Amino acid sequence: MRVEQLELDEWESALPSDGFEVFHLPDALEVVDRHSDAEMKLFGGFKGQQPIALLPVFVRRKSVGTAVTSPPPGMGIPRLGPILMPTSPKRRKQEKVNNEFTEAVLQRVGTDLDLDARLAEAGVESPTAERVLDSLDVDSRLTLFRMECNAAYGDPRPYAWGNLQVEPHFTYFLDLAGRDAEGVRKSFSKSLRREIRDAEDLDVTVECEGVSGARAIYRATAERFAEQDEPFALSWAYVRNLFEALAEEDRARAYVARDGDGEYLSGITALYSNDHAYFWQGGAKAIYEGTAVNSLIHWRLLKDIIEDPPVESVTQYDLMGANTERLCRYKAKFGADLEPYYVVESSGAAMNVAKRAYELVQ
């Protein structure tokens, strides 16, 4: 396997037709790279000219050491990590691709970090020749590695074998493939169906509003975080640029609920990959005339996926929030499937302290 560092246009050409997250899209990565204080590196594994694996990482250097993350923290990115595209359906060959790519990327990242450090000590700003150095020392207190994997990436064992810690996390996927709207609604819990019905009886509208809607949702979300005394790191400039970049391809929509006077009640910003619609931002608790309106917003979003999808290949709704107990009680009402994904990070007792130093806790 040959591993290369790619430019964005090369990354776009190498992306498969499915099996990746919305933030793997080049338009999203370009915005993240512009607003992040880390250096983006896009790695591609090739068999001949055929791309068979991809991984974006973000390298952030501080005086105390270096953090290598995928995704970068504080950017509102639920998952990123590796994409595998083995050319063979055989398990043995798939595992070989996974193992070789993992080892090669860790070596490549380690080479880049070690080389950068040595050049900095020598007062040289950029490399002038190829060098082969030791692999990344994932046990080093000066180098932290953290990755929240693509949900389609189901085999993180090579990272565990490389002395990294692997833990399962969870999300909710509501499968909409081949289903009609009424059938999906009937699969909801009785209380959820009642909430939607009660909201439909009110003088409430739910419409897509573009950037202005995304702005209203952003403000309401920031206010809700402030009320709960929780940090909210996303800037409006970043959210706006991301929304605008993805909306050009109809991969971002802002669903806003308003009362009969046009006053904002609540909203949800949804993002779309080739496979999934994502509940990305918004959904702060909103009660109007004694009725919760967020369920009506979710329902409008779901109906659009079924009847008028922004991306034809989208068949699942990612509800997020499956790792927070208080959110699960509501999300479980949709009858979605609980799906695992994996978080990979440097192991050792110092990691918990170091994560906070690098702001890796979201």
Protein backbone atom coordinates (compact mmCIF):
# COMPACT_ATOMS: atom_id res chain seq x y z
CA MET A 1 0.00 0.00 0.00
CA ARG A 2 1.18 3.50 -0.86
CA VAL A 3 0.15 6.32 1.51
CA GLU A 4 0.20 9.90 0.28
CA GLN A 5 -0.80 13.27 1.67
CA LEU A 6 -3.55 14.69 -0.53
CA GLU A 7 -4.81 18.09 -1.60
CA LEU A 8 -8.54 18.80 -1.29
CA ASP A 9 -9.24 18.23 -4.99
CA GLU A 10 -7.45 14.86 -4.81
CA TRP A 11 -9.44 14.03 -1.68
CA GLU A 12 -12.68 14.82 -3.49
CA SER A 13 -11.74 12.50 -6.35
CA ALA A 14 -10.89 9.70 -3.93
CA LEU A 15 -14.11 9.84 -1.86
CA PRO A 16 -16.40 6.84 -2.36
CA SER A 17 -20.13 7.15 -3.06
CA ASP A 18 -21.13 6.12 0.46
CA GLY A 19 -19.79 5.15 3.88
CA PHE A 20 -18.54 8.57 4.97
CA GLU A 21 -19.69 11.41 7.23
CA VAL A 22 -20.87 14.84 6.13
CA PHE A 23 -17.65 16.42 7.46
CA HIS A 24 -15.60 14.18 5.16
CA LEU A 25 -16.95 16.26 2.27
CA PRO A 26 -14.28 18.59 0.82
CA ASP A 27 -16.53 21.66 1.19
CA ALA A 28 -16.89 20.95 4.91
CA LEU A 29 -13.20 20.16 5.40
CA GLU A 30 -12.19 23.39 3.67
CA VAL A 31 -14.29 25.44 6.10
CA VAL A 32 -13.06 23.50 9.13
CA ASP A 33 -9.45 23.96 8.01
CA ARG A 34 -10.00 27.70 7.61
CA HIS A 35 -11.51 28.14 11.08
CA SER A 36 -9.42 25.64 13.05
CA ASP A 37 -6.13 26.52 14.73
CA ALA A 38 -4.77 23.11 13.72
CA GLU A 39 -3.02 22.03 10.53
CA MET A 40 -5.13 19.72 8.36
CA LYS A 41 -3.45 16.68 6.83
CA LEU A 42 -5.38 14.46 4.39
CA PHE A 43 -3.99 10.95 3.98
CA GLY A 44 -4.89 8.54 1.22
CA GLY A 45 -3.95 4.88 0.87
CA PHE A 46 -3.63 3.54 -2.68
CA LYS A 47 -3.29 0.21 -4.43
CA GLY A 48 -1.76 1.28 -7.70
CA GLN A 49 -3.94 4.27 -8.66
CA GLN A 50 -7.00 2.94 -6.79
CA PRO A 51 -7.80 4.72 -3.50
CA ILE A 52 -8.56 2.15 -0.81
CA ALA A 53 -8.43 4.17 2.44
CA LEU A 54 -8.68 7.79 3.59
CA LEU A 55 -8.10 9.67 6.84
CA PRO A 56 -8.16 13.39 7.70
CA VAL A 57 -6.26 14.50 10.80
CA PHE A 58 -5.67 17.88 12.41
CA VAL A 59 -2.33 18.61 14.07
CA ARG A 60 -2.19 21.23 16.79
CA ARG A 61 1.11 22.23 18.34
CA LYS A 62 1.46 23.85 21.76
CA SER A 63 4.43 24.51 23.98
CA VAL A 64 3.57 21.42 26.04
CA GLY A 65 3.46 19.11 23.02
CA THR A 66 1.34 18.14 20.02
CA ALA A 67 -2.22 16.90 19.59
CA VAL A 68 -3.29 14.86 16.56
CA THR A 69 -7.08 14.70 16.30
CA SER A 70 -9.81 13.64 13.90
CA PRO A 71 -12.01 15.64 14.18
CA PRO A 72 -10.52 18.77 15.75
CA PRO A 73 -12.20 19.58 19.09
CA GLY A 74 -14.64 22.43 19.57
CA MET A 75 -15.86 22.48 15.95
CA GLY A 76 -19.21 20.73 16.41
CA ILE A 77 -18.09 17.68 14.43
CA PRO A 78 -19.62 14.48 15.82
CA ARG A 79 -17.38 11.98 13.98
CA LEU A 80 -14.65 11.86 11.34
CA GLY A 81 -11.81 9.32 11.31
CA PRO A 82 -10.93 6.73 8.65
CA ILE A 83 -12.79 5.62 5.53
CA LEU A 84 -11.99 2.15 4.18
CA MET A 85 -12.63 1.17 0.56
CA PRO A 86 -11.07 -2.29 0.10
CA THR A 87 -11.41 -3.68 -3.39
CA SER A 88 -12.05 -7.23 -2.17
CA PRO A 89 -15.11 -8.48 -0.23
CA LYS A 90 -12.96 -11.08 1.53
CA ARG A 91 -12.55 -10.53 5.26
CA ARG A 92 -8.84 -11.37 5.22
CA LYS A 93 -8.07 -8.75 2.58
CA GLN A 94 -10.28 -6.14 4.23
CA GLU A 95 -8.43 -6.61 7.50
CA LYS A 96 -5.11 -6.42 5.68
CA VAL A 97 -6.06 -3.02 4.20
CA ASN A 98 -7.17 -1.78 7.61
CA ASN A 99 -4.03 -2.98 9.37
CA GLU A 100 -1.61 -1.66 6.76
CA PHE A 101 -3.29 1.71 6.46
CA THR A 102 -3.43 2.22 10.23
CA GLU A 103 0.24 1.37 10.63
CA ALA A 104 1.27 3.51 7.65
CA VAL A 105 -0.69 6.56 8.79
CA LEU A 106 0.67 6.43 12.33
CA GLN A 107 4.17 6.17 10.89
CA ARG A 108 3.50 9.04 8.50
CA VAL A 109 2.08 11.30 11.20
CA GLY A 110 4.97 10.37 13.46
CA THR A 111 7.43 11.18 10.68
CA ASP A 112 5.86 14.57 10.08
CA LEU A 113 5.79 15.47 13.78
CA ASP A 114 9.35 14.31 14.44
CA LEU A 115 10.64 16.03 11.32
CA ASP A 116 8.83 19.27 12.15
CA ALA A 117 10.31 19.25 15.66
CA ARG A 118 13.84 18.65 14.40
CA LEU A 119 13.52 21.32 11.73
CA ALA A 120 12.17 23.81 14.24
CA GLU A 121 15.15 23.17 16.51
CA ALA A 122 17.45 23.79 13.53
CA GLY A 123 15.59 26.95 12.51
CA VAL A 124 14.30 25.45 9.23
CA GLU A 125 10.69 26.24 8.30
CA SER A 126 9.91 23.47 5.79
CA PRO A 127 11.27 20.04 4.81
CA THR A 128 13.71 19.84 1.92
CA ALA A 129 13.97 16.08 1.48
CA GLU A 130 12.17 12.81 2.23
CA ARG A 131 13.15 11.16 5.50
CA VAL A 132 12.17 7.89 7.18
CA LEU A 133 11.86 8.18 10.95
CA ASP A 134 10.42 6.16 13.79
CA SER A 135 6.66 5.66 14.08
CA LEU A 136 4.51 7.87 16.24
CA ASP A 137 5.10 7.17 19.93
CA VAL A 138 1.49 7.10 21.07
CA ASP A 139 2.57 6.57 24.67
CA SER A 140 4.52 9.83 24.75
CA ARG A 141 3.19 12.49 27.09
CA LEU A 142 4.14 15.08 24.49
CA THR A 143 1.97 13.62 21.71
CA LEU A 144 -1.75 13.05 22.10
CA PHE A 145 -3.86 11.16 19.58
CA ARG A 146 -7.67 11.28 19.60
CA MET A 147 -10.09 10.14 16.91
CA GLU A 148 -13.88 9.82 16.84
CA CYS A 149 -14.42 7.34 14.04
CA ASN A 150 -16.80 7.32 11.13
CA ALA A 151 -19.85 5.23 12.09
CA ALA A 152 -19.20 2.96 9.09
CA TYR A 153 -15.72 2.14 10.41
CA GLY A 154 -16.40 -1.02 12.38
CA ASP A 155 -12.94 -2.43 13.10
CA PRO A 156 -10.69 -0.24 15.29
CA ARG A 157 -8.60 -3.18 16.49
CA PRO A 158 -5.40 -2.07 14.69
CA TYR A 159 -5.37 1.06 16.83
CA ALA A 160 -5.80 -1.00 20.01
CA TRP A 161 -2.94 -3.22 18.86
CA GLY A 162 -0.91 -0.03 18.45
CA ASN A 163 -1.30 0.75 22.18
CA LEU A 164 -4.15 3.17 21.76
CA GLN A 165 -7.30 3.04 23.89
CA VAL A 166 -10.53 2.15 22.06
CA GLU A 167 -14.00 2.73 23.52
CA PRO A 168 -17.46 2.35 21.97
CA HIS A 169 -19.80 5.35 21.84
CA PHE A 170 -23.30 5.42 20.39
CA THR A 171 -25.73 7.28 18.18
CA TYR A 172 -29.29 6.70 16.95
CA PHE A 173 -29.95 5.92 13.28
CA LEU A 174 -33.57 6.01 12.11
CA ASP A 175 -33.79 3.90 8.96
CA LEU A 176 -36.13 5.41 6.34
CA ALA A 177 -35.24 3.24 3.33
CA GLY A 178 -38.33 1.99 1.51
CA ARG A 179 -40.71 3.38 4.16
CA ASP A 180 -43.63 5.77 3.72
CA ALA A 181 -44.21 8.71 6.02
CA GLU A 182 -47.29 7.28 7.71
CA GLY A 183 -45.54 3.99 8.45
CA VAL A 184 -42.62 5.83 10.03
CA ARG A 185 -44.97 7.93 12.15
CA LYS A 186 -46.79 4.83 13.39
CA SER A 187 -43.46 3.42 14.61
CA PHE A 188 -43.01 6.36 17.00
CA SER A 189 -44.00 6.04 20.64
CA LYS A 190 -47.55 6.99 21.58
CA SER A 191 -46.41 10.09 23.46
CA LEU A 192 -44.32 11.31 20.52
CA ARG A 193 -47.21 10.88 18.11
CA ARG A 194 -49.41 12.85 20.50
CA GLU A 195 -46.84 15.69 20.71
CA ILE A 196 -46.72 15.95 16.92
CA ARG A 197 -50.50 15.87 16.63
CA ASP A 198 -50.95 18.54 19.31
CA ALA A 199 -48.39 20.82 17.63
CA GLU A 200 -50.10 20.35 14.25
CA ASP A 201 -53.33 21.65 15.81
CA LEU A 202 -51.63 24.92 16.81
CA ASP A 203 -51.01 27.99 14.66
CA VAL A 204 -47.40 26.93 14.10
CA THR A 205 -45.50 26.70 10.82
CA VAL A 206 -42.23 24.86 10.10
CA GLU A 207 -40.28 26.07 7.06
CA CYS A 208 -36.75 26.02 5.66
CA GLU A 209 -35.29 29.52 5.99
CA GLY A 210 -31.73 29.43 4.69
CA VAL A 211 -28.94 31.40 6.36
CA SER A 212 -31.34 33.63 8.30
CA GLY A 213 -32.90 30.53 9.84
CA ALA A 214 -29.50 29.06 10.64
CA ARG A 215 -28.63 32.34 12.38
CA ALA A 216 -31.78 32.23 14.52
CA ILE A 217 -31.06 28.59 15.46
CA TYR A 218 -27.46 29.43 16.30
CA ARG A 219 -28.50 32.28 18.59
CA ALA A 220 -31.10 30.16 20.38
CA THR A 221 -28.56 27.35 20.85
CA ALA A 222 -25.92 29.72 22.25
CA GLU A 223 -28.49 31.19 24.64
CA ARG A 224 -29.53 27.73 25.83
CA PHE A 225 -25.91 26.77 26.55
CA ALA A 226 -25.43 30.03 28.48
CA GLU A 227 -28.57 29.34 30.54
CA GLN A 228 -27.13 25.95 31.48
CA ASP A 229 -23.71 27.48 32.22
CA GLU A 230 -22.16 25.27 29.54
CA PRO A 231 -19.38 26.37 27.13
CA PHE A 232 -20.36 26.98 23.52
CA ALA A 233 -17.27 27.22 21.34
CA LEU A 234 -18.78 27.62 17.86
CA SER A 235 -18.52 31.06 16.29
CA TRP A 236 -21.26 32.36 14.01
CA ALA A 237 -18.68 33.00 11.28
CA TYR A 238 -17.77 29.29 11.26
CA VAL A 239 -21.39 28.10 11.38
CA ARG A 240 -22.40 30.53 8.62
CA ASN A 241 -19.51 29.56 6.34
CA LEU A 242 -20.16 25.86 6.87
CA PHE A 243 -23.89 26.23 6.26
CA GLU A 244 -23.38 28.30 3.12
CA ALA A 245 -20.75 25.93 1.71
CA LEU A 246 -22.92 22.85 2.22
CA ALA A 247 -26.20 24.56 1.26
CA GLU A 248 -24.85 25.23 -2.22
CA GLU A 249 -25.23 21.49 -2.86
CA ASP A 250 -28.44 21.31 -0.75
CA ARG A 251 -26.52 19.54 2.01
CA ALA A 252 -27.64 21.94 4.76
CA ARG A 253 -31.12 23.07 5.74
CA ALA A 254 -32.44 25.22 8.58
CA TYR A 255 -35.92 24.15 9.74
CA VAL A 256 -37.56 26.90 11.79
CA ALA A 257 -40.85 26.81 13.72
CA ARG A 258 -42.73 30.11 14.13
CA ASP A 259 -46.01 31.08 15.71
CA GLY A 260 -48.89 32.82 13.94
CA ASP A 261 -47.22 36.22 14.42
CA GLY A 262 -43.97 35.01 12.87
CA GLU A 263 -42.08 34.83 16.16
CA TYR A 264 -39.27 32.29 16.40
CA LEU A 265 -40.12 29.26 18.55
CA SER A 266 -37.39 26.71 17.80
CA GLY A 267 -35.38 25.23 14.99
CA ILE A 268 -33.04 22.51 13.78
CA THR A 269 -30.09 22.81 11.41
CA ALA A 270 -29.72 19.56 9.46
CA LEU A 271 -26.67 18.48 7.46
CA TYR A 272 -26.58 15.75 4.80
CA SER A 273 -23.97 13.26 3.65
CA ASN A 274 -24.70 10.74 0.90
CA ASP A 275 -26.17 8.34 3.47
CA HIS A 276 -27.46 10.34 6.43
CA ALA A 277 -29.31 13.43 7.51
CA TYR A 278 -27.78 14.76 10.73
CA PHE A 279 -29.53 16.61 13.55
CA TRP A 280 -26.62 19.03 13.88
CA GLN A 281 -27.67 22.10 15.82
CA GLY A 282 -30.71 23.50 17.62
CA GLY A 283 -33.67 21.73 19.16
CA ALA A 284 -33.49 23.71 22.40
CA LYS A 285 -36.57 22.93 24.50
CA ALA A 286 -39.49 25.04 23.29
CA ILE A 287 -43.04 25.04 24.68
CA TYR A 288 -45.79 26.98 22.91
CA GLU A 289 -49.27 27.10 24.39
CA GLY A 290 -48.39 24.13 26.57
CA THR A 291 -47.13 21.99 23.66
CA ALA A 292 -43.55 21.02 22.76
CA VAL A 293 -42.85 22.01 19.15
CA ASN A 294 -39.51 20.29 18.51
CA SER A 295 -41.18 16.98 17.67
CA LEU A 296 -43.07 18.74 14.88
CA ILE A 297 -39.76 20.05 13.48
CA HIS A 298 -38.23 16.58 13.52
CA TRP A 299 -41.34 15.25 11.80
CA ARG A 300 -41.19 17.85 9.01
CA LEU A 301 -37.50 17.06 8.48
CA LEU A 302 -38.23 13.33 8.31
CA LYS A 303 -41.11 13.78 5.86
CA ASP A 304 -38.81 15.72 3.56
CA ILE A 305 -36.22 12.94 3.62
CA ILE A 306 -38.92 10.42 2.69
CA GLU A 307 -40.88 12.48 0.16
CA ASP A 308 -38.51 15.18 -1.12
CA PRO A 309 -34.94 14.38 -0.04
CA PRO A 310 -32.27 17.05 -0.55
CA VAL A 311 -29.85 14.24 -1.42
CA GLU A 312 -31.57 11.32 -3.14
CA SER A 313 -29.33 8.64 -1.60
CA VAL A 314 -30.04 9.67 2.02
CA THR A 315 -31.91 6.88 3.81
CA GLN A 316 -31.18 7.43 7.52
CA TYR A 317 -31.64 10.17 10.10
CA ASP A 318 -28.88 10.50 12.70
CA LEU A 319 -30.56 11.80 15.86
CA MET A 320 -27.31 12.13 17.85
CA GLY A 321 -27.39 12.38 21.64
CA ALA A 322 -27.26 8.65 22.45
CA ASN A 323 -24.37 9.10 24.90
CA THR A 324 -26.31 11.47 27.19
CA GLU A 325 -28.84 9.75 29.44
CA ARG A 326 -31.26 12.67 29.77
CA LEU A 327 -31.45 13.01 25.96
CA CYS A 328 -31.95 9.29 25.36
CA ARG A 329 -35.36 9.26 27.01
CA TYR A 330 -36.64 11.52 24.24
CA LYS A 331 -34.59 10.20 21.31
CA ALA A 332 -35.66 6.60 21.99
CA LYS A 333 -39.27 7.59 21.23
CA PHE A 334 -38.44 7.68 17.51
CA GLY A 335 -37.81 3.93 17.42
CA ALA A 336 -34.35 4.39 15.93
CA ASP A 337 -31.59 1.79 16.04
CA LEU A 338 -28.73 2.21 18.50
CA GLU A 339 -25.50 2.21 16.49
CA PRO A 340 -21.94 2.08 17.87
CA TYR A 341 -18.97 4.08 16.74
CA TYR A 342 -15.50 4.12 18.24
CA VAL A 343 -13.34 6.68 20.00
CA VAL A 344 -9.60 6.05 19.78
CA GLU A 345 -7.17 7.96 21.97
CA SER A 346 -3.79 7.87 23.63
CA SER A 347 -3.80 5.68 26.71
CA GLY A 348 -2.26 6.23 30.12
CA ALA A 349 -3.15 8.04 33.33
CA ALA A 350 -1.89 11.38 32.03
CA MET A 351 -4.40 11.41 29.17
CA ASN A 352 -7.33 12.80 31.17
CA VAL A 353 -5.29 15.78 32.33
CA ALA A 354 -3.74 16.25 28.91
CA LYS A 355 -7.13 16.21 27.15
CA ARG A 356 -8.18 19.21 29.16
CA ALA A 357 -4.91 20.99 28.49
CA TYR A 358 -5.51 20.51 24.76
CA GLU A 359 -9.27 21.19 25.08
CA LEU A 360 -10.04 17.73 23.69
CA VAL A 361 -13.08 17.30 25.92
CA GLN A 362 -16.13 18.53 24.01
